[in-house]
Amino acid sequence: MISMEDKQWTVRILITEDGDDTRAEAVLTTQDTPEDLMAVTGRGVAHRNPVDRPIPEIGDELAASRALEDLAIRLHDVASDDIVNMAGPADRDGSRAWERP
């Protein structure tokens, strides 16, 4: 049986502004051992309508939330790929019992 240990994953959000455009990158890093470093990046953009008042915090919030949403989708894709490649019962010859021929 595999024992589970507590883990800490870190999400760093970098926000940049250029005129009415705000961009955000959300970078998830995990590291169980030095060899197991994994990073997944999500990106989000917000654009202020020129008729709206300039409130930078709103652009930051929108871009960051979109980056986190993109990160969640990308992390789900990583997990799905891992399930396909590593999960499920194995036959005695090493092939996957649930895999279609």
N, C-alpha and C. Protein backbone atom coordinates (compact mmCIF):
# COMPACT_ATOMS: atom_id res chain seq x y z
N MET A 1 0.84 -1.18 0.00
CA MET A 1 0.00 0.00 0.00
C MET A 1 0.89 1.25 0.00
N ILE A 2 0.49 2.24 -0.75
CA ILE A 2 1.23 3.50 -0.84
C ILE A 2 0.77 4.41 0.30
N SER A 3 1.71 4.93 1.07
CA SER A 3 1.35 5.85 2.15
C SER A 3 1.32 7.28 1.61
N MET A 4 0.37 8.05 2.10
CA MET A 4 0.24 9.43 1.67
C MET A 4 0.88 10.35 2.70
N GLU A 5 1.60 11.32 2.24
CA GLU A 5 2.20 12.32 3.11
C GLU A 5 1.63 13.69 2.74
N ASP A 6 1.68 14.60 3.69
CA ASP A 6 1.25 15.96 3.39
C ASP A 6 2.18 16.56 2.35
N LYS A 7 1.61 17.35 1.48
CA LYS A 7 2.38 18.00 0.42
C LYS A 7 2.00 19.47 0.39
N GLN A 8 2.90 20.25 -0.12
CA GLN A 8 2.61 21.68 -0.30
C GLN A 8 2.86 22.04 -1.74
N TRP A 9 1.83 22.57 -2.38
CA TRP A 9 1.96 23.08 -3.74
C TRP A 9 1.84 24.59 -3.66
N THR A 10 2.56 25.27 -4.52
CA THR A 10 2.59 26.72 -4.50
C THR A 10 2.08 27.27 -5.82
N VAL A 11 1.19 28.26 -5.75
CA VAL A 11 0.73 28.99 -6.95
C VAL A 11 1.24 30.41 -6.83
N ARG A 12 1.98 30.83 -7.85
CA ARG A 12 2.50 32.20 -7.91
C ARG A 12 1.77 32.90 -9.05
N ILE A 13 1.23 34.08 -8.79
CA ILE A 13 0.51 34.83 -9.82
C ILE A 13 1.30 36.09 -10.15
N LEU A 14 1.67 36.23 -11.40
CA LEU A 14 2.37 37.41 -11.89
C LEU A 14 1.40 38.23 -12.73
N ILE A 15 1.23 39.50 -12.37
CA ILE A 15 0.29 40.38 -13.07
C ILE A 15 1.07 41.52 -13.71
N THR A 16 0.81 41.76 -15.00
CA THR A 16 1.45 42.87 -15.71
C THR A 16 0.35 43.69 -16.39
N GLU A 17 0.58 44.99 -16.44
CA GLU A 17 -0.37 45.90 -17.08
C GLU A 17 0.32 46.64 -18.21
N ASP A 18 -0.43 46.82 -19.29
CA ASP A 18 0.06 47.57 -20.45
C ASP A 18 -1.12 48.36 -20.99
N GLY A 19 -1.23 49.60 -20.60
CA GLY A 19 -2.37 50.42 -21.02
C GLY A 19 -3.65 49.87 -20.43
N ASP A 20 -4.61 49.55 -21.28
CA ASP A 20 -5.89 49.01 -20.83
C ASP A 20 -5.89 47.50 -20.71
N ASP A 21 -4.76 46.86 -20.98
CA ASP A 21 -4.67 45.40 -20.93
C ASP A 21 -3.95 44.95 -19.65
N THR A 22 -4.50 43.93 -19.02
CA THR A 22 -3.88 43.31 -17.86
C THR A 22 -3.71 41.83 -18.16
N ARG A 23 -2.51 41.33 -17.94
CA ARG A 23 -2.22 39.92 -18.16
C ARG A 23 -1.78 39.28 -16.85
N ALA A 24 -2.16 38.03 -16.67
CA ALA A 24 -1.77 37.30 -15.47
C ALA A 24 -1.30 35.90 -15.85
N GLU A 25 -0.28 35.46 -15.14
CA GLU A 25 0.19 34.08 -15.24
C GLU A 25 0.11 33.47 -13.86
N ALA A 26 -0.55 32.32 -13.77
CA ALA A 26 -0.63 31.57 -12.52
C ALA A 26 0.22 30.32 -12.71
N VAL A 27 1.29 30.21 -11.93
CA VAL A 27 2.24 29.10 -12.07
C VAL A 27 2.15 28.23 -10.82
N LEU A 28 1.74 26.97 -11.03
CA LEU A 28 1.69 25.99 -9.96
C LEU A 28 2.99 25.20 -9.97
N THR A 29 3.67 25.13 -8.84
CA THR A 29 4.86 24.29 -8.74
C THR A 29 4.65 23.28 -7.63
N THR A 30 5.07 22.06 -7.93
CA THR A 30 5.05 20.99 -6.94
C THR A 30 6.44 20.40 -6.91
N GLN A 31 6.84 19.94 -5.76
CA GLN A 31 8.16 19.32 -5.67
C GLN A 31 8.17 18.35 -4.50
N ASP A 32 8.02 17.07 -4.84
CA ASP A 32 8.12 16.05 -3.81
C ASP A 32 9.58 15.73 -3.53
N THR A 33 10.36 15.65 -4.59
CA THR A 33 11.80 15.45 -4.50
C THR A 33 12.43 16.35 -5.54
N PRO A 34 13.72 16.62 -5.47
CA PRO A 34 14.35 17.48 -6.47
C PRO A 34 14.15 16.99 -7.92
N GLU A 35 14.00 15.68 -8.09
CA GLU A 35 13.81 15.14 -9.44
C GLU A 35 12.37 15.26 -9.93
N ASP A 36 11.44 15.51 -9.00
CA ASP A 36 10.01 15.50 -9.33
C ASP A 36 9.41 16.89 -9.50
N LEU A 37 10.20 17.89 -9.81
CA LEU A 37 9.68 19.24 -9.98
C LEU A 37 8.67 19.27 -11.13
N MET A 38 7.49 19.80 -10.85
CA MET A 38 6.47 19.95 -11.89
C MET A 38 5.98 21.38 -11.84
N ALA A 39 5.78 21.97 -13.01
CA ALA A 39 5.21 23.31 -13.09
C ALA A 39 4.13 23.31 -14.17
N VAL A 40 3.00 23.90 -13.84
CA VAL A 40 1.89 24.05 -14.79
C VAL A 40 1.52 25.53 -14.77
N THR A 41 1.32 26.11 -15.95
CA THR A 41 1.04 27.54 -16.05
C THR A 41 -0.31 27.79 -16.70
N GLY A 42 -1.09 28.68 -16.09
CA GLY A 42 -2.34 29.14 -16.67
C GLY A 42 -2.21 30.63 -16.97
N ARG A 43 -2.91 31.08 -17.99
CA ARG A 43 -2.82 32.48 -18.39
C ARG A 43 -4.21 33.10 -18.51
N GLY A 44 -4.27 34.39 -18.17
CA GLY A 44 -5.53 35.11 -18.28
C GLY A 44 -5.28 36.55 -18.69
N VAL A 45 -6.28 37.14 -19.36
CA VAL A 45 -6.17 38.51 -19.85
C VAL A 45 -7.46 39.25 -19.53
N ALA A 46 -7.33 40.53 -19.21
CA ALA A 46 -8.48 41.41 -19.05
C ALA A 46 -8.20 42.68 -19.85
N HIS A 47 -9.25 43.23 -20.45
CA HIS A 47 -9.12 44.47 -21.22
C HIS A 47 -10.18 45.45 -20.73
N ARG A 48 -9.74 46.62 -20.34
CA ARG A 48 -10.68 47.64 -19.87
C ARG A 48 -11.33 48.34 -21.05
N ASN A 49 -12.64 48.43 -20.99
CA ASN A 49 -13.37 49.18 -21.99
C ASN A 49 -13.02 50.65 -21.79
N PRO A 50 -12.63 51.37 -22.84
CA PRO A 50 -12.22 52.77 -22.68
C PRO A 50 -13.27 53.67 -22.03
N VAL A 51 -14.55 53.31 -22.07
CA VAL A 51 -15.57 54.14 -21.44
C VAL A 51 -15.70 53.87 -19.94
N ASP A 52 -15.08 52.79 -19.44
CA ASP A 52 -15.14 52.47 -18.01
C ASP A 52 -14.09 53.28 -17.24
N ARG A 53 -14.37 53.50 -15.96
CA ARG A 53 -13.40 54.18 -15.10
C ARG A 53 -12.16 53.30 -14.95
N PRO A 54 -10.97 53.91 -14.88
CA PRO A 54 -9.74 53.12 -14.72
C PRO A 54 -9.56 52.67 -13.26
N ILE A 55 -9.94 51.42 -13.00
CA ILE A 55 -9.76 50.84 -11.66
C ILE A 55 -8.89 49.59 -11.85
N PRO A 56 -7.57 49.74 -11.68
CA PRO A 56 -6.64 48.64 -11.97
C PRO A 56 -6.94 47.35 -11.21
N GLU A 57 -7.48 47.44 -9.99
CA GLU A 57 -7.75 46.24 -9.20
C GLU A 57 -8.72 45.30 -9.90
N ILE A 58 -9.67 45.88 -10.63
CA ILE A 58 -10.66 45.04 -11.32
C ILE A 58 -9.98 44.26 -12.44
N GLY A 59 -9.12 44.90 -13.19
CA GLY A 59 -8.37 44.19 -14.23
C GLY A 59 -7.49 43.10 -13.65
N ASP A 60 -6.85 43.42 -12.50
CA ASP A 60 -6.02 42.41 -11.82
C ASP A 60 -6.86 41.20 -11.43
N GLU A 61 -8.02 41.47 -10.83
CA GLU A 61 -8.88 40.37 -10.37
C GLU A 61 -9.38 39.53 -11.53
N LEU A 62 -9.81 40.18 -12.59
CA LEU A 62 -10.30 39.42 -13.75
C LEU A 62 -9.20 38.60 -14.40
N ALA A 63 -8.05 39.21 -14.64
CA ALA A 63 -6.95 38.49 -15.28
C ALA A 63 -6.47 37.34 -14.41
N ALA A 64 -6.35 37.58 -13.09
CA ALA A 64 -5.90 36.52 -12.18
C ALA A 64 -6.91 35.38 -12.13
N SER A 65 -8.20 35.71 -12.06
CA SER A 65 -9.21 34.65 -12.01
C SER A 65 -9.21 33.82 -13.29
N ARG A 66 -9.01 34.48 -14.42
CA ARG A 66 -8.95 33.76 -15.69
C ARG A 66 -7.69 32.89 -15.78
N ALA A 67 -6.59 33.37 -15.23
CA ALA A 67 -5.36 32.58 -15.21
C ALA A 67 -5.54 31.35 -14.32
N LEU A 68 -6.20 31.52 -13.17
CA LEU A 68 -6.44 30.39 -12.28
C LEU A 68 -7.39 29.37 -12.90
N GLU A 69 -8.39 29.87 -13.62
CA GLU A 69 -9.31 28.97 -14.32
C GLU A 69 -8.56 28.17 -15.39
N ASP A 70 -7.71 28.83 -16.15
CA ASP A 70 -6.90 28.16 -17.16
C ASP A 70 -5.95 27.15 -16.51
N LEU A 71 -5.37 27.53 -15.37
CA LEU A 71 -4.49 26.62 -14.64
C LEU A 71 -5.26 25.37 -14.21
N ALA A 72 -6.46 25.54 -13.71
CA ALA A 72 -7.27 24.39 -13.27
C ALA A 72 -7.54 23.44 -14.44
N ILE A 73 -7.85 23.98 -15.59
CA ILE A 73 -8.10 23.15 -16.78
C ILE A 73 -6.84 22.40 -17.17
N ARG A 74 -5.72 23.09 -17.18
CA ARG A 74 -4.45 22.45 -17.56
C ARG A 74 -4.05 21.37 -16.55
N LEU A 75 -4.26 21.62 -15.25
CA LEU A 75 -3.94 20.62 -14.24
C LEU A 75 -4.85 19.40 -14.38
N HIS A 76 -6.10 19.63 -14.70
CA HIS A 76 -7.03 18.53 -14.95
C HIS A 76 -6.55 17.69 -16.14
N ASP A 77 -6.06 18.35 -17.18
CA ASP A 77 -5.52 17.63 -18.35
C ASP A 77 -4.32 16.78 -17.96
N VAL A 78 -3.45 17.30 -17.09
CA VAL A 78 -2.30 16.53 -16.62
C VAL A 78 -2.77 15.29 -15.88
N ALA A 79 -3.76 15.47 -14.98
CA ALA A 79 -4.29 14.33 -14.22
C ALA A 79 -4.94 13.31 -15.15
N SER A 80 -5.68 13.78 -16.14
CA SER A 80 -6.33 12.87 -17.09
C SER A 80 -5.30 12.06 -17.86
N ASP A 81 -4.23 12.72 -18.30
CA ASP A 81 -3.16 12.00 -19.00
C ASP A 81 -2.52 10.97 -18.09
N ASP A 82 -2.31 11.32 -16.81
CA ASP A 82 -1.74 10.37 -15.86
C ASP A 82 -2.65 9.17 -15.66
N ILE A 83 -3.95 9.41 -15.60
CA ILE A 83 -4.90 8.30 -15.45
C ILE A 83 -4.80 7.36 -16.64
N VAL A 84 -4.78 7.91 -17.83
CA VAL A 84 -4.70 7.08 -19.04
C VAL A 84 -3.39 6.30 -19.08
N ASN A 85 -2.30 6.94 -18.68
CA ASN A 85 -0.98 6.31 -18.80
C ASN A 85 -0.59 5.42 -17.64
N MET A 86 -1.16 5.64 -16.44
CA MET A 86 -0.64 4.92 -15.28
C MET A 86 -1.67 4.18 -14.45
N ALA A 87 -2.93 4.48 -14.59
CA ALA A 87 -3.92 3.90 -13.69
C ALA A 87 -4.57 2.66 -14.28
N GLY A 88 -5.31 1.98 -13.46
CA GLY A 88 -6.04 0.81 -13.89
C GLY A 88 -5.28 -0.47 -13.59
N PRO A 89 -6.01 -1.58 -13.54
CA PRO A 89 -5.37 -2.85 -13.26
C PRO A 89 -4.48 -3.30 -14.41
N ALA A 90 -3.46 -4.06 -14.08
CA ALA A 90 -2.56 -4.59 -15.10
C ALA A 90 -2.72 -6.10 -15.18
N ASP A 91 -2.67 -6.65 -16.39
CA ASP A 91 -2.66 -8.10 -16.57
C ASP A 91 -1.29 -8.63 -16.17
N ARG A 92 -1.18 -9.91 -16.10
CA ARG A 92 0.09 -10.52 -15.71
C ARG A 92 1.21 -10.22 -16.70
N ASP A 93 0.85 -10.00 -17.96
CA ASP A 93 1.89 -9.72 -18.95
C ASP A 93 2.29 -8.25 -18.98
N GLY A 94 1.70 -7.42 -18.08
CA GLY A 94 2.07 -6.01 -17.98
C GLY A 94 1.16 -5.08 -18.75
N SER A 95 0.28 -5.60 -19.60
CA SER A 95 -0.63 -4.73 -20.32
C SER A 95 -1.77 -4.33 -19.40
N ARG A 96 -2.52 -3.33 -19.78
CA ARG A 96 -3.64 -2.88 -18.97
C ARG A 96 -4.85 -3.75 -19.27
N ALA A 97 -5.49 -4.24 -18.21
CA ALA A 97 -6.62 -5.12 -18.38
C ALA A 97 -7.82 -4.40 -19.00
N TRP A 98 -7.93 -3.10 -18.79
CA TRP A 98 -9.10 -2.36 -19.25
C TRP A 98 -8.89 -1.73 -20.62
N GLU A 99 -7.69 -1.84 -21.16
CA GLU A 99 -7.38 -1.21 -22.44
C GLU A 99 -8.01 -1.97 -23.60
N ARG A 100 -8.60 -1.28 -24.52
CA ARG A 100 -9.17 -1.93 -25.71
C ARG A 100 -8.05 -2.34 -26.66
N PRO A 101 -8.25 -3.47 -27.34
CA PRO A 101 -7.21 -3.90 -28.31
C PRO A 101 -7.10 -2.97 -29.48
